[in-house]
Amino acid sequence: MTRLNRRYAVTLPGAISGHGPATVVVVHATDTVGPGGGLVWENEAGDLRVEITGETATVLAAPAEGGRHPCLHAVPLP
């Protein structure tokens, strides 16, 4: 039986052409299903919502500073 990871770390890139540091945000599973048929994951504030497949987080909603990229890197957390 496969255990569902309940948390992922999602990396938001730094400012475009600003060489700013990336930001890592922890997201948790919700009971919502996304457009691709997978679970929707969101951060504590609820302003970053993603659907995760493998190690790719497809952005559904993001804060202004994180909404430039449609796909982000996601890593399961213990």
N, C-alpha and C. Protein backbone atom coordinates (compact mmCIF):
# COMPACT_ATOMS: atom_id res chain seq x y z
N MET A 1 0.85 -1.18 0.00
CA MET A 1 0.00 0.00 0.00
C MET A 1 0.89 1.24 0.00
N THR A 2 0.60 2.18 -0.87
CA THR A 2 1.37 3.42 -0.96
C THR A 2 0.82 4.45 0.01
N ARG A 3 1.72 5.08 0.77
CA ARG A 3 1.31 6.11 1.71
C ARG A 3 1.31 7.47 1.01
N LEU A 4 0.26 8.23 1.16
CA LEU A 4 0.15 9.57 0.57
C LEU A 4 0.99 10.54 1.38
N ASN A 5 1.91 11.24 0.71
CA ASN A 5 2.67 12.28 1.39
C ASN A 5 1.72 13.41 1.73
N ARG A 6 1.79 13.89 2.94
CA ARG A 6 0.86 14.93 3.38
C ARG A 6 1.47 16.33 3.28
N ARG A 7 2.76 16.42 2.93
CA ARG A 7 3.40 17.72 2.79
C ARG A 7 4.42 17.67 1.65
N TYR A 8 4.55 18.77 0.95
CA TYR A 8 5.58 18.93 -0.07
C TYR A 8 6.25 20.27 0.14
N ALA A 9 7.52 20.35 -0.25
CA ALA A 9 8.23 21.62 -0.33
C ALA A 9 8.22 22.03 -1.79
N VAL A 10 7.69 23.21 -2.09
CA VAL A 10 7.61 23.74 -3.45
C VAL A 10 8.55 24.93 -3.54
N THR A 11 9.39 24.94 -4.57
CA THR A 11 10.37 26.01 -4.74
C THR A 11 9.84 27.09 -5.68
N LEU A 12 9.76 28.32 -5.17
CA LEU A 12 9.37 29.48 -5.97
C LEU A 12 10.66 30.19 -6.39
N PRO A 13 10.87 30.40 -7.69
CA PRO A 13 12.10 31.05 -8.14
C PRO A 13 12.19 32.49 -7.65
N GLY A 14 13.43 33.01 -7.62
CA GLY A 14 13.65 34.41 -7.25
C GLY A 14 13.16 35.34 -8.35
N ALA A 15 13.34 36.63 -8.13
CA ALA A 15 12.90 37.64 -9.09
C ALA A 15 13.57 37.43 -10.46
N ILE A 16 12.80 37.61 -11.52
CA ILE A 16 13.32 37.47 -12.88
C ILE A 16 14.41 38.51 -13.11
N SER A 17 15.53 38.08 -13.63
CA SER A 17 16.73 38.89 -13.93
C SER A 17 17.29 39.59 -12.70
N GLY A 18 16.79 39.27 -11.53
CA GLY A 18 17.31 39.88 -10.33
C GLY A 18 18.25 38.98 -9.57
N HIS A 19 18.38 37.73 -10.02
CA HIS A 19 19.23 36.75 -9.37
C HIS A 19 18.92 36.63 -7.88
N GLY A 20 17.66 36.83 -7.54
CA GLY A 20 17.25 36.71 -6.14
C GLY A 20 17.18 35.26 -5.73
N PRO A 21 17.27 35.01 -4.45
CA PRO A 21 17.22 33.63 -3.96
C PRO A 21 15.82 33.03 -4.12
N ALA A 22 15.80 31.74 -4.31
CA ALA A 22 14.52 31.04 -4.38
C ALA A 22 13.90 30.97 -3.00
N THR A 23 12.58 30.80 -2.96
CA THR A 23 11.85 30.66 -1.70
C THR A 23 11.21 29.28 -1.69
N VAL A 24 11.33 28.58 -0.57
CA VAL A 24 10.71 27.26 -0.44
C VAL A 24 9.47 27.40 0.43
N VAL A 25 8.35 26.90 -0.08
CA VAL A 25 7.07 26.98 0.61
C VAL A 25 6.56 25.56 0.85
N VAL A 26 6.08 25.29 2.06
CA VAL A 26 5.50 23.98 2.38
C VAL A 26 4.01 24.02 2.08
N VAL A 27 3.54 23.01 1.33
CA VAL A 27 2.11 22.91 1.01
C VAL A 27 1.56 21.61 1.60
N HIS A 28 0.28 21.63 1.91
CA HIS A 28 -0.42 20.50 2.53
C HIS A 28 -1.57 20.08 1.61
N ALA A 29 -1.93 18.80 1.66
CA ALA A 29 -3.03 18.28 0.85
C ALA A 29 -4.35 18.86 1.31
N THR A 30 -5.24 19.10 0.35
CA THR A 30 -6.60 19.50 0.64
C THR A 30 -7.52 18.38 0.17
N ASP A 31 -8.79 18.53 0.35
CA ASP A 31 -9.76 17.55 -0.13
C ASP A 31 -10.26 17.87 -1.53
N THR A 32 -9.68 18.90 -2.15
CA THR A 32 -10.11 19.35 -3.47
C THR A 32 -9.33 18.61 -4.55
N VAL A 33 -10.01 18.31 -5.66
CA VAL A 33 -9.38 17.68 -6.81
C VAL A 33 -9.17 18.74 -7.88
N GLY A 34 -7.97 18.76 -8.45
CA GLY A 34 -7.61 19.76 -9.46
C GLY A 34 -8.07 19.38 -10.85
N PRO A 35 -7.83 20.26 -11.83
CA PRO A 35 -8.26 20.01 -13.21
C PRO A 35 -7.60 18.80 -13.86
N GLY A 36 -6.42 18.40 -13.35
CA GLY A 36 -5.74 17.22 -13.89
C GLY A 36 -6.15 15.92 -13.21
N GLY A 37 -7.07 16.02 -12.22
CA GLY A 37 -7.55 14.84 -11.53
C GLY A 37 -6.80 14.49 -10.26
N GLY A 38 -5.75 15.26 -9.93
CA GLY A 38 -4.99 15.02 -8.71
C GLY A 38 -5.43 15.93 -7.58
N LEU A 39 -4.91 15.64 -6.39
CA LEU A 39 -5.24 16.49 -5.24
C LEU A 39 -4.67 17.89 -5.41
N VAL A 40 -5.35 18.86 -4.82
CA VAL A 40 -4.86 20.22 -4.75
C VAL A 40 -4.14 20.39 -3.42
N TRP A 41 -2.98 21.01 -3.47
CA TRP A 41 -2.15 21.27 -2.30
C TRP A 41 -2.07 22.78 -2.13
N GLU A 42 -2.04 23.26 -0.87
CA GLU A 42 -1.94 24.70 -0.66
C GLU A 42 -1.06 25.00 0.56
N ASN A 43 -0.52 26.22 0.57
CA ASN A 43 0.28 26.65 1.72
C ASN A 43 -0.65 27.07 2.85
N GLU A 44 -0.06 27.38 3.99
CA GLU A 44 -0.86 27.72 5.17
C GLU A 44 -1.75 28.94 4.95
N ALA A 45 -1.24 29.94 4.20
CA ALA A 45 -2.02 31.15 3.93
C ALA A 45 -3.12 30.92 2.89
N GLY A 46 -3.00 29.83 2.11
CA GLY A 46 -4.00 29.53 1.09
C GLY A 46 -3.82 30.31 -0.19
N ASP A 47 -2.72 31.09 -0.32
CA ASP A 47 -2.55 31.89 -1.53
C ASP A 47 -1.72 31.17 -2.59
N LEU A 48 -1.10 30.04 -2.25
CA LEU A 48 -0.41 29.21 -3.24
C LEU A 48 -1.15 27.88 -3.28
N ARG A 49 -1.71 27.57 -4.45
CA ARG A 49 -2.44 26.31 -4.65
C ARG A 49 -1.85 25.64 -5.88
N VAL A 50 -1.47 24.36 -5.72
CA VAL A 50 -0.84 23.61 -6.80
C VAL A 50 -1.44 22.22 -6.88
N GLU A 51 -1.29 21.61 -8.05
CA GLU A 51 -1.62 20.20 -8.25
C GLU A 51 -0.29 19.51 -8.53
N ILE A 52 0.07 18.49 -7.76
CA ILE A 52 1.39 17.87 -7.86
C ILE A 52 1.31 16.52 -8.55
N THR A 53 2.19 16.34 -9.55
CA THR A 53 2.36 15.07 -10.25
C THR A 53 3.85 14.76 -10.24
N GLY A 54 4.25 13.68 -9.60
CA GLY A 54 5.67 13.37 -9.48
C GLY A 54 6.36 14.45 -8.67
N GLU A 55 7.33 15.13 -9.29
CA GLU A 55 8.03 16.23 -8.64
C GLU A 55 7.68 17.57 -9.28
N THR A 56 6.57 17.63 -10.02
CA THR A 56 6.15 18.85 -10.67
C THR A 56 4.87 19.38 -10.04
N ALA A 57 4.92 20.63 -9.60
CA ALA A 57 3.75 21.31 -9.04
C ALA A 57 3.20 22.26 -10.09
N THR A 58 2.01 21.97 -10.59
CA THR A 58 1.35 22.86 -11.56
C THR A 58 0.60 23.92 -10.77
N VAL A 59 0.91 25.18 -11.04
CA VAL A 59 0.33 26.29 -10.29
C VAL A 59 -1.12 26.51 -10.69
N LEU A 60 -2.01 26.52 -9.70
CA LEU A 60 -3.43 26.83 -9.90
C LEU A 60 -3.72 28.25 -9.45
N ALA A 61 -3.07 28.69 -8.37
CA ALA A 61 -3.19 30.06 -7.86
C ALA A 61 -1.90 30.35 -7.11
N ALA A 62 -1.41 31.59 -7.24
CA ALA A 62 -0.15 31.95 -6.58
C ALA A 62 -0.17 33.41 -6.17
N PRO A 63 0.61 33.75 -5.12
CA PRO A 63 0.77 35.15 -4.76
C PRO A 63 1.48 35.87 -5.91
N ALA A 64 1.36 37.16 -5.98
CA ALA A 64 1.91 37.95 -7.10
C ALA A 64 3.37 37.62 -7.38
N GLU A 65 4.19 37.45 -6.34
CA GLU A 65 5.61 37.20 -6.57
C GLU A 65 5.90 35.78 -7.00
N GLY A 66 4.95 34.87 -6.93
CA GLY A 66 5.20 33.48 -7.30
C GLY A 66 4.43 33.01 -8.52
N GLY A 67 3.69 33.88 -9.16
CA GLY A 67 2.80 33.48 -10.23
C GLY A 67 3.36 33.54 -11.63
N ARG A 68 4.67 33.70 -11.78
CA ARG A 68 5.26 33.84 -13.11
C ARG A 68 5.47 32.51 -13.80
N HIS A 69 5.57 31.43 -13.06
CA HIS A 69 5.92 30.13 -13.63
C HIS A 69 4.76 29.16 -13.49
N PRO A 70 4.35 28.51 -14.59
CA PRO A 70 3.22 27.59 -14.51
C PRO A 70 3.54 26.27 -13.82
N CYS A 71 4.83 25.87 -13.78
CA CYS A 71 5.24 24.62 -13.14
C CYS A 71 6.43 24.89 -12.23
N LEU A 72 6.41 24.26 -11.06
CA LEU A 72 7.47 24.44 -10.06
C LEU A 72 7.95 23.08 -9.59
N HIS A 73 9.11 23.06 -8.96
CA HIS A 73 9.69 21.81 -8.43
C HIS A 73 9.06 21.52 -7.06
N ALA A 74 8.66 20.26 -6.84
CA ALA A 74 8.06 19.84 -5.57
C ALA A 74 8.79 18.62 -5.04
N VAL A 75 9.07 18.62 -3.73
CA VAL A 75 9.77 17.51 -3.09
C VAL A 75 8.92 17.04 -1.90
N PRO A 76 8.62 15.74 -1.80
CA PRO A 76 7.85 15.25 -0.64
C PRO A 76 8.65 15.41 0.64
N LEU A 77 7.97 15.76 1.71
CA LEU A 77 8.58 15.90 3.02
C LEU A 77 8.14 14.75 3.92
N PRO A 78 9.02 14.36 4.86
CA PRO A 78 8.66 13.25 5.77
C PRO A 78 7.54 13.67 6.70
